[in-house]
């Protein structure tokens, strides 16, 4: 069977209304074509399945882009995007870095044996205990505000820090970010460092606009010489994460979905989201306004193309200032590196609709959720038996006892039916979706994390619950 035929067959049991066909890695095809229900029976539902090979590929691809420009470059994995120990071990073996956002993440990374010079702490809120651990292990701290600066100085006058900056000018506008000191105040910071060693400059921007990163990088690079003149060995510029990922096969499906969604909100077209959920849009007198509160699941520019574009514009500045350029991807390194499997527990008719159904999964919505309103890709349904059932349409719902407990807000069509004992595979969940908001409400256990290559659970599942 050819790959296109196999992909078509795998996706034939579940189709969004309208469809949003996912990009599917070959290993997920193999998983779906096998017996994923056996894994769920052994380790519970839902079950996260991770595969490190795509992670290795994604790191290597970014490095190869930078190498083609002849610049000093390193990738730091944003650990917060996925808690599995395997990815940290992979980063250690690849000689890359790790960005930690909590005391527990830091302790785990150091215990695994990642060298301190390959770790940076960018936690949004840093306790004294976290900073003390960084200082004791000579881990670079990305200083975000004056309170952090005072706390670091109180603990050590010789700590190595990176200054996190914000407030960059781009096309006449100040770029918003809640992270970092305003760059306009960088001059005043020079007198407050009191012996601390500034080894790098750091920034974080929301969104995926590469031109904004170019503007921010150029402003930061102008400061490198000024800090070096004061004796600070500024060695790197860190532009954070936010490299784009494309989850979907087809641009036209992405555009069609949004057009149909707007129609459903404004013109009485049949709903395609639960109770016509607006996904962040607003309807006023029949007109639709605003932007969807969803990740841009289809993007023309992938992470390697994005990085190439940025480097085209700043490579000379990087070489002139003789600094290492760093980035801290999470999602972009985890592209294709995981999926989530859940068992179907029930199917029932929806009382307030003509023909729609609820399909109950043994999982809750926090186990595949970020700040985005919905995960806009079509899942895969693996049938437990042979033969076809009657076609039904409906919504995948979860185990929390609230009316809003939906795994997906989108409506799906099940051409061969769906029944208790079937399994739903949600592809490409490793980047944030598995762990970022997971919760133990109702005393439900957290999902286990299964290593596809090693055929065992990840070491994170051996850690005691805290």
Protein backbone atom coordinates (compact mmCIF):
# COMPACT_ATOMS: atom_id res chain seq x y z
CA UNK A 1 0.00 0.00 0.00
CA UNK A 2 1.42 3.40 -0.96
CA UNK A 3 1.91 6.11 1.68
CA UNK A 4 -0.88 8.36 0.26
CA UNK A 5 -3.27 5.37 0.24
CA UNK A 6 -2.31 4.40 3.78
CA UNK A 7 -2.80 7.97 5.02
CA UNK A 8 -6.20 8.10 3.33
CA UNK A 9 -7.22 4.81 4.95
CA UNK A 10 -6.01 5.87 8.41
CA UNK A 11 -8.02 9.08 8.22
CA UNK A 12 -11.15 7.51 6.78
CA UNK A 13 -12.89 6.79 10.11
CA UNK A 14 -13.05 10.42 11.33
CA UNK A 15 -13.40 13.62 9.34
CA UNK A 16 -13.93 17.13 10.59
CA UNK A 17 -16.85 19.16 9.28
CA UNK A 18 -15.10 20.62 7.37
CA UNK A 19 -11.95 18.50 7.25
CA UNK A 20 -8.56 19.59 8.59
CA UNK A 21 -6.23 16.76 7.64
CA UNK A 22 -3.14 16.51 9.84
CA UNK A 23 0.44 15.97 8.78
CA UNK A 24 1.11 12.46 10.06
CA UNK A 25 4.54 11.00 10.74
CA UNK A 26 5.21 7.49 9.44
CA UNK A 27 5.63 6.15 12.98
CA UNK A 28 2.12 7.32 13.90
CA UNK A 29 0.80 5.58 10.79
CA UNK A 30 2.46 2.39 12.02
CA UNK A 31 1.01 2.86 15.49
CA UNK A 32 -2.50 3.40 14.13
CA UNK A 33 -2.22 0.43 11.78
CA UNK A 34 -1.20 -1.83 14.66
CA UNK A 35 -2.91 -2.41 18.01
CA UNK A 36 -2.83 0.88 19.94
CA UNK A 37 -5.59 -0.43 22.18
CA UNK A 38 -3.15 -2.93 23.70
CA UNK A 39 -0.96 -0.09 24.94
CA UNK A 40 -3.97 1.70 26.42
CA UNK A 41 -5.09 -1.51 28.12
CA UNK A 42 -1.66 -1.82 29.74
CA UNK A 43 -0.91 1.80 30.65
CA UNK A 44 -4.29 3.53 30.85
CA UNK A 45 -6.32 6.07 28.92
CA UNK A 46 -5.27 8.56 27.80
CA UNK A 47 -1.74 7.50 26.95
CA UNK A 48 0.90 9.83 25.55
CA UNK A 49 3.22 8.15 23.08
CA UNK A 50 6.50 9.89 22.26
CA UNK A 51 9.16 9.21 19.64
CA UNK A 52 12.55 10.90 19.86
CA UNK A 53 13.60 10.50 16.22
CA UNK A 54 11.57 13.51 14.97
CA UNK A 55 13.04 15.53 17.86
CA UNK A 56 16.58 14.66 16.75
CA UNK A 57 15.66 15.54 13.19
CA UNK A 58 14.17 18.89 14.17
CA UNK A 59 17.27 19.89 16.18
CA UNK A 60 19.57 18.83 13.36
CA UNK A 61 17.58 20.70 10.72
CA UNK A 62 17.85 24.00 12.63
CA UNK A 63 21.57 23.52 13.20
CA UNK A 64 22.11 22.79 9.51
CA UNK A 65 20.39 26.03 8.54
CA UNK A 66 22.65 28.04 10.84
CA UNK A 67 25.72 26.17 9.61
CA UNK A 68 24.89 27.18 6.05
CA UNK A 69 25.18 30.83 7.15
CA UNK A 70 28.48 30.25 8.91
CA UNK A 71 27.39 31.62 12.29
CA UNK A 72 27.90 30.41 15.85
CA UNK A 73 24.49 29.00 16.83
CA UNK A 74 22.95 26.71 19.41
CA UNK A 75 19.51 25.29 20.09
CA UNK A 76 18.14 25.23 23.67
CA UNK A 77 15.11 22.98 24.22
CA UNK A 78 12.27 24.74 26.08
CA UNK A 79 11.61 22.04 28.67
CA UNK A 80 8.24 23.51 29.64
CA UNK A 81 6.81 22.33 26.30
CA UNK A 82 7.00 18.67 27.35
CA UNK A 83 7.97 17.14 30.67
CA UNK A 84 9.31 13.80 29.38
CA UNK A 85 12.85 13.01 30.48
CA UNK A 86 13.66 11.37 27.14
CA UNK A 87 13.83 14.69 25.30
CA UNK A 88 16.30 16.11 27.83
CA UNK A 89 18.45 12.98 27.45
CA UNK A 90 18.34 13.44 23.68
CA UNK A 91 19.40 17.07 24.00
CA UNK A 92 22.30 16.05 26.22
CA UNK A 93 23.43 13.44 23.67
CA UNK A 94 23.15 16.02 20.88
CA UNK A 95 25.27 18.48 22.84
CA UNK A 96 22.50 21.07 22.84
CA UNK A 97 21.08 23.18 25.63
CA UNK A 98 17.99 23.17 27.83
CA UNK A 99 15.83 26.11 28.94
CA UNK A 100 14.25 25.47 32.34
CA UNK A 101 11.27 27.27 33.84
CA UNK A 102 11.03 25.85 37.36
CA UNK A 103 13.12 24.48 40.22
CA UNK A 104 12.02 20.90 39.53
CA UNK A 105 12.88 21.20 35.84
CA UNK A 106 16.31 22.54 36.78
CA UNK A 107 17.00 19.77 39.29
CA UNK A 108 15.96 17.07 36.82
CA UNK A 109 18.11 18.50 34.02
CA UNK A 110 21.19 18.68 36.27
CA UNK A 111 20.58 15.16 37.62
CA UNK A 112 20.43 13.85 34.04
CA UNK A 113 23.89 15.30 33.56
CA UNK A 114 23.33 18.25 31.25
CA UNK A 115 26.33 20.54 31.70
CA UNK A 116 25.54 23.74 33.61
CA UNK A 117 26.86 25.90 30.78
CA UNK A 118 24.23 24.28 28.56
CA UNK A 119 21.34 25.33 30.84
CA UNK A 120 19.55 28.65 31.11
CA UNK A 121 16.80 29.49 33.59
CA UNK A 122 14.06 31.68 32.11
CA UNK A 123 11.32 31.01 34.68
CA UNK A 124 8.64 33.69 34.62
CA UNK A 125 8.64 33.78 38.44
CA UNK A 126 11.86 32.86 40.24
CA UNK A 127 11.87 31.95 43.93
CA UNK A 128 14.90 32.39 46.17
CA UNK A 129 15.35 28.61 46.20
CA UNK A 130 15.42 28.49 42.38
CA UNK A 131 17.97 31.30 42.13
CA UNK A 132 20.11 29.72 44.86
CA UNK A 133 20.12 26.46 42.92
CA UNK A 134 21.14 28.30 39.74
CA UNK A 135 23.94 30.14 41.52
CA UNK A 136 25.23 27.01 43.27
CA UNK A 137 25.43 25.17 39.96
CA UNK A 138 26.62 28.13 37.85
CA UNK A 139 23.50 28.09 35.68
CA UNK A 140 22.85 31.32 33.77
CA UNK A 141 19.77 33.20 34.98
CA UNK A 142 17.70 35.31 32.59
CA UNK A 143 16.95 38.36 34.77
CA UNK A 144 13.47 39.69 34.09
CA UNK A 145 12.91 42.57 36.53
CA UNK A 146 14.45 44.67 39.29
CA UNK A 147 13.16 42.47 42.12
CA UNK A 148 14.90 39.47 40.55
CA UNK A 149 18.05 41.54 40.07
CA UNK A 150 18.09 42.55 43.74
CA UNK A 151 17.45 38.95 44.84
CA UNK A 152 20.29 37.62 42.69
CA UNK A 153 22.67 40.24 44.08
CA UNK A 154 21.58 39.37 47.61
CA UNK A 155 22.48 35.73 46.95
CA UNK A 156 25.66 36.24 44.92
CA UNK A 157 27.60 39.23 43.63
CA UNK A 158 29.35 37.12 41.00
CA UNK A 159 26.46 35.24 39.35
CA UNK A 160 26.31 34.92 35.57
CA UNK A 161 23.15 36.44 34.16
CA UNK A 162 21.46 37.25 30.90
CA UNK A 163 19.45 40.46 30.74
CA UNK A 164 15.96 39.92 29.43
CA UNK A 165 14.84 42.93 27.40
CA UNK A 166 11.55 44.11 25.89
CA UNK A 167 9.89 47.18 24.37
CA UNK A 168 11.53 46.97 20.95
CA UNK A 169 10.63 49.38 18.17
CA UNK A 170 9.26 47.74 15.04
CA UNK A 171 7.93 49.80 12.14
CA UNK A 172 7.19 52.70 14.47
CA UNK A 173 5.40 50.63 17.12
CA UNK A 174 6.59 49.24 20.45
CA UNK A 175 6.33 45.44 20.48
CA UNK A 176 4.35 44.23 23.51
CA UNK A 177 5.75 41.65 25.91
CA UNK A 178 5.29 41.11 29.63
CA UNK A 179 8.81 39.71 29.87
CA UNK A 180 11.94 41.75 30.47
CA UNK A 181 13.26 45.24 31.19
CA UNK A 182 12.32 47.99 28.71
CA UNK A 183 15.30 48.30 26.40
CA UNK A 184 15.03 52.08 26.76
CA UNK A 185 16.16 51.60 30.40
CA UNK A 186 19.12 49.37 29.60
CA UNK A 187 21.56 52.23 30.19
CA UNK A 188 20.33 52.67 33.76
CA UNK A 189 20.79 48.96 34.48
CA UNK A 190 24.52 49.16 33.91
CA UNK A 191 25.05 50.86 37.26
CA UNK A 192 22.89 48.35 39.15
CA UNK A 193 24.70 45.16 38.21
CA UNK A 194 27.31 45.48 41.02
CA UNK A 195 29.71 42.72 40.01
CA UNK A 196 27.23 40.44 38.29
CA UNK A 197 28.54 39.16 34.98
CA UNK A 198 26.26 39.76 31.99
CA UNK A 199 27.03 36.85 29.69
CA UNK A 200 24.09 37.28 27.34
CA UNK A 201 21.09 39.27 26.20
CA UNK A 202 17.68 37.64 25.93
CA UNK A 203 14.21 38.48 24.68
CA UNK A 204 10.82 36.84 24.26
CA UNK A 205 8.17 37.88 21.75
CA UNK A 206 4.73 36.43 21.21
CA UNK A 207 3.63 35.35 17.76
CA UNK A 208 5.59 34.19 14.72
CA UNK A 209 6.46 37.34 12.79
CA UNK A 210 10.14 36.95 11.78
CA UNK A 211 10.50 40.65 10.99
CA UNK A 212 9.71 41.48 14.62
CA UNK A 213 12.50 39.13 15.74
CA UNK A 214 14.88 40.83 13.33
CA UNK A 215 14.05 44.26 14.78
CA UNK A 216 14.47 42.99 18.36
CA UNK A 217 17.74 41.22 17.59
CA UNK A 218 19.23 44.30 15.94
CA UNK A 219 18.36 46.52 18.91
CA UNK A 220 19.90 44.02 21.33
CA UNK A 221 23.06 43.66 19.28
CA UNK A 222 23.63 47.41 19.50
CA UNK A 223 24.01 47.01 23.28
CA UNK A 224 26.61 44.24 23.18
CA UNK A 225 29.54 46.61 22.71
CA UNK A 226 28.35 48.94 25.47
CA UNK A 227 28.20 46.13 28.04
CA UNK A 228 31.56 44.74 26.93
CA UNK A 229 33.18 48.13 27.49
CA UNK A 230 32.03 47.84 31.13
CA UNK A 231 33.75 44.47 31.44
CA UNK A 232 30.79 42.17 30.84
CA UNK A 233 31.68 39.15 28.68
CA UNK A 234 28.49 39.17 26.60
CA UNK A 235 28.76 35.89 24.71
CA UNK A 236 25.29 35.25 23.32
CA UNK A 237 22.03 36.71 22.09
CA UNK A 238 19.02 34.53 22.87
CA UNK A 239 15.88 35.21 20.82
CA UNK A 240 13.62 32.83 22.73
CA UNK A 241 11.20 30.42 21.10
CA UNK A 242 8.20 30.86 18.86
CA UNK A 243 9.44 29.12 15.71
CA UNK A 244 6.40 28.20 13.58
CA UNK A 245 5.02 24.69 13.15
CA UNK A 246 2.58 23.51 10.49
CA UNK A 247 0.18 20.84 11.72
CA UNK A 248 -1.95 20.50 8.58
CA UNK A 249 -1.49 19.10 5.09
CA UNK A 250 -3.47 21.64 3.11
CA UNK A 251 -3.71 25.43 3.16
CA UNK A 252 -7.05 25.40 1.34
CA UNK A 253 -8.66 23.31 4.10
CA UNK A 254 -7.45 25.78 6.73
CA UNK A 255 -8.87 28.73 4.79
CA UNK A 256 -12.12 26.86 4.07
CA UNK A 257 -12.64 25.98 7.73
CA UNK A 258 -12.40 29.61 8.82
CA UNK A 259 -14.72 30.76 6.04
CA UNK A 260 -17.31 28.14 7.00
CA UNK A 261 -16.93 28.92 10.69
CA UNK A 262 -17.70 32.59 10.05
CA UNK A 263 -20.75 31.56 8.03
CA UNK A 264 -21.99 29.37 10.86
CA UNK A 265 -21.71 32.31 13.29
CA UNK A 266 -23.39 34.90 11.09
CA UNK A 267 -25.82 33.29 8.66
CA UNK A 268 -27.50 30.42 10.40
CA UNK A 269 -25.45 27.75 8.62
CA UNK A 270 -25.32 24.42 10.49
CA UNK A 271 -22.93 24.66 13.44
CA UNK A 272 -19.42 23.29 12.98
CA UNK A 273 -18.34 24.06 16.55
CA UNK A 274 -20.21 23.08 19.70
CA UNK A 275 -23.15 25.44 20.20
CA UNK A 276 -21.53 27.68 17.60
CA UNK A 277 -18.51 28.35 19.80
CA UNK A 278 -16.89 31.50 18.32
CA UNK A 279 -13.25 30.43 18.98
CA UNK A 280 -12.44 33.98 20.03
CA UNK A 281 -14.49 35.79 17.38
CA UNK A 282 -17.37 38.16 18.15
CA UNK A 283 -20.70 38.55 16.39
CA UNK A 284 -22.45 41.93 16.41
CA UNK A 285 -25.68 42.35 14.42
CA UNK A 286 -24.84 39.44 12.19
CA UNK A 287 -21.28 40.57 11.44
CA UNK A 288 -18.21 38.70 12.64
CA UNK A 289 -15.29 40.61 14.16
CA UNK A 290 -11.93 39.85 15.70
CA UNK A 291 -9.30 37.14 15.39
CA UNK A 292 -9.66 33.46 16.34
CA UNK A 293 -8.05 32.50 19.65
CA UNK A 294 -6.33 29.52 18.09
CA UNK A 295 -2.84 28.57 17.08
CA UNK A 296 -2.18 29.09 13.33
CA UNK A 297 -2.27 25.36 12.65
CA UNK A 298 -1.42 25.87 9.00
CA UNK A 299 1.65 27.99 8.27
CA UNK A 300 3.46 28.34 4.94
CA UNK A 301 6.78 29.10 6.62
CA UNK A 302 8.13 26.18 8.65
CA UNK A 303 10.73 26.54 11.41
CA UNK A 304 13.73 26.00 9.14
CA UNK A 305 12.42 28.49 6.57
CA UNK A 306 11.66 30.98 9.34
CA UNK A 307 15.16 30.69 10.78
CA UNK A 308 16.74 31.01 7.34
CA UNK A 309 14.77 34.21 6.73
CA UNK A 310 15.86 35.70 10.07
CA UNK A 311 19.51 34.78 9.54
CA UNK A 312 19.52 36.30 6.07
CA UNK A 313 18.88 39.68 7.71
CA UNK A 314 21.05 39.48 10.85
CA UNK A 315 23.95 37.19 9.97
CA UNK A 316 26.36 40.07 9.38
CA UNK A 317 25.42 41.73 12.69
CA UNK A 318 25.94 38.43 14.54
CA UNK A 319 29.37 37.90 12.97
CA UNK A 320 30.42 41.51 13.54
CA UNK A 321 29.58 41.36 17.26
CA UNK A 322 31.08 37.87 17.58
CA UNK A 323 28.23 36.45 19.68
CA UNK A 324 26.52 33.09 19.66
CA UNK A 325 22.91 33.22 18.49
CA UNK A 326 20.58 31.02 20.51
CA UNK A 327 16.94 30.08 20.20
CA UNK A 328 14.71 28.20 22.64
CA UNK A 329 12.10 26.23 20.69
CA UNK A 330 9.67 23.90 22.38
CA UNK A 331 6.92 23.20 19.89
CA UNK A 332 9.25 23.35 16.87
CA UNK A 333 11.57 20.66 18.27
CA UNK A 334 8.62 18.43 19.20
CA UNK A 335 6.96 18.59 15.78
CA UNK A 336 5.95 15.02 14.98
CA UNK A 337 7.42 13.66 18.22
CA UNK A 338 4.26 12.53 20.00
CA UNK A 339 0.59 11.62 19.96
CA UNK A 340 -2.15 10.93 22.51
CA UNK A 341 -4.42 7.86 22.50
CA UNK A 342 -7.77 7.66 24.30
CA UNK A 343 -10.38 4.92 24.58
CA UNK A 344 -14.01 5.49 23.60
CA UNK A 345 -16.26 4.76 26.60
CA UNK A 346 -19.70 5.67 25.29
CA UNK A 347 -21.72 7.03 22.38
CA UNK A 348 -25.07 8.70 22.97
CA UNK A 349 -27.50 10.95 21.13
CA UNK A 350 -27.47 14.65 21.87
CA UNK A 351 -30.88 15.69 23.21
CA UNK A 352 -30.81 19.28 21.93
CA UNK A 353 -29.85 18.44 18.35
CA UNK A 354 -31.32 16.55 15.44
CA UNK A 355 -29.02 13.59 15.02
CA UNK A 356 -25.77 14.70 16.64
CA UNK A 357 -24.03 12.49 19.20
CA UNK A 358 -21.66 12.75 22.13
CA UNK A 359 -18.67 10.41 22.03
CA UNK A 360 -17.17 10.07 25.52
CA UNK A 361 -13.42 9.51 25.81
CA UNK A 362 -11.52 8.26 28.84
CA UNK A 363 -9.55 11.51 29.17
CA UNK A 364 -10.19 15.10 30.11
CA UNK A 365 -9.69 18.26 28.12
CA UNK A 366 -6.61 19.40 30.08
CA UNK A 367 -4.78 16.39 28.65
CA UNK A 368 -4.79 17.92 25.18
CA UNK A 369 -5.01 21.65 25.73
CA UNK A 370 -3.07 24.91 25.68
CA UNK A 371 -4.32 28.50 25.82
CA UNK A 372 -5.74 28.00 22.33
CA UNK A 373 -9.53 27.57 22.20
CA UNK A 374 -9.35 24.37 20.17
CA UNK A 375 -6.95 21.87 18.61
CA UNK A 376 -7.79 22.35 14.94
CA UNK A 377 -6.77 19.08 13.36
CA UNK A 378 -8.69 15.88 12.64
CA UNK A 379 -7.93 12.96 14.97
CA UNK A 380 -7.59 9.33 13.88
CA UNK A 381 -10.16 6.72 14.90
CA UNK A 382 -8.96 3.11 15.18
CA UNK A 383 -11.84 0.65 15.13
CA UNK A 384 -11.93 -2.16 17.67
CA UNK A 385 -13.90 -4.53 15.49
CA UNK A 386 -14.46 -5.40 11.86
CA UNK A 387 -17.19 -4.15 9.58
CA UNK A 388 -18.92 -0.82 9.27
CA UNK A 389 -21.52 0.74 11.50
CA UNK A 390 -23.98 3.47 10.51
CA UNK A 391 -22.48 6.91 9.92
CA UNK A 392 -22.93 9.37 12.78
CA UNK A 393 -21.87 12.93 13.53
CA UNK A 394 -21.01 14.50 16.83
CA UNK A 395 -18.53 15.76 19.38
CA UNK A 396 -15.69 14.17 21.36
CA UNK A 397 -16.32 14.89 25.04
CA UNK A 398 -14.25 14.30 28.17
CA UNK A 399 -14.50 13.13 31.75
CA UNK A 400 -14.80 16.36 33.74
CA UNK A 401 -18.29 16.98 35.08
CA UNK A 402 -18.97 20.29 33.34
CA UNK A 403 -21.09 21.23 30.34
CA UNK A 404 -18.00 22.70 28.66
CA UNK A 405 -15.96 19.48 28.86
CA UNK A 406 -15.17 18.86 25.21
CA UNK A 407 -11.90 17.42 23.92
CA UNK A 408 -12.49 19.18 20.60
CA UNK A 409 -15.01 21.97 20.00
CA UNK A 410 -15.30 20.99 16.35
CA UNK A 411 -17.93 18.61 15.02
CA UNK A 412 -16.79 15.37 13.39
CA UNK A 413 -18.24 12.86 10.97
CA UNK A 414 -17.66 9.16 11.56
CA UNK A 415 -18.43 7.45 8.22
CA UNK A 416 -18.19 3.92 9.64
CA UNK A 417 -19.66 4.79 13.00
CA UNK A 418 -17.83 4.80 16.32
CA UNK A 419 -18.45 2.68 19.41
CA UNK A 420 -17.27 1.85 22.90
CA UNK A 421 -13.88 0.17 22.72
CA UNK A 422 -12.66 2.10 19.68
CA UNK A 423 -9.65 4.35 20.12
CA UNK A 424 -8.95 7.94 19.14
CA UNK A 425 -5.40 9.00 18.29
CA UNK A 426 -4.67 12.73 18.42
CA UNK A 427 -1.49 13.29 16.38
CA UNK A 428 1.30 15.76 17.06
CA UNK A 429 0.51 16.56 20.68
CA UNK A 430 4.06 16.49 22.11
CA UNK A 431 4.54 20.27 21.86
CA UNK A 432 2.59 21.74 24.81
CA UNK A 433 -0.68 19.83 24.27
CA UNK A 434 0.21 16.83 26.45
CA UNK A 435 1.41 18.54 29.58
CA UNK A 436 1.06 22.30 29.62
CA UNK A 437 -2.32 22.41 31.35
CA UNK A 438 -2.80 18.82 32.52
CA UNK A 439 -4.77 18.53 35.74
CA UNK A 440 -5.66 15.92 38.37
CA UNK A 441 -9.12 17.32 39.08
CA UNK A 442 -11.63 14.63 40.13
CA UNK A 443 -8.52 12.74 41.38
CA UNK A 444 -7.96 11.39 37.88
CA UNK A 445 -4.37 10.20 37.40
CA UNK A 446 -2.11 12.02 34.98
CA UNK A 447 -1.56 10.31 31.64
CA UNK A 448 1.42 7.97 31.38
CA UNK A 449 4.10 8.66 28.78
CA UNK A 450 5.19 5.71 26.63
CA UNK A 451 8.46 5.64 24.67
CA UNK A 452 7.78 4.29 21.19
CA UNK A 453 11.41 3.31 20.54
CA UNK A 454 12.27 1.83 23.94
CA UNK A 455 8.84 0.18 24.45
CA UNK A 456 8.58 1.35 28.05
CA UNK A 457 7.37 4.30 30.10
CA UNK A 458 9.38 7.50 30.27
CA UNK A 459 11.38 8.09 33.46
CA UNK A 460 9.10 11.01 34.36
CA UNK A 461 6.46 8.44 35.34
CA UNK A 462 8.81 7.08 37.99
CA UNK A 463 8.87 10.45 39.75
CA UNK A 464 6.64 10.79 42.85
CA UNK A 465 3.61 13.04 42.52
CA UNK A 466 4.15 16.47 44.08
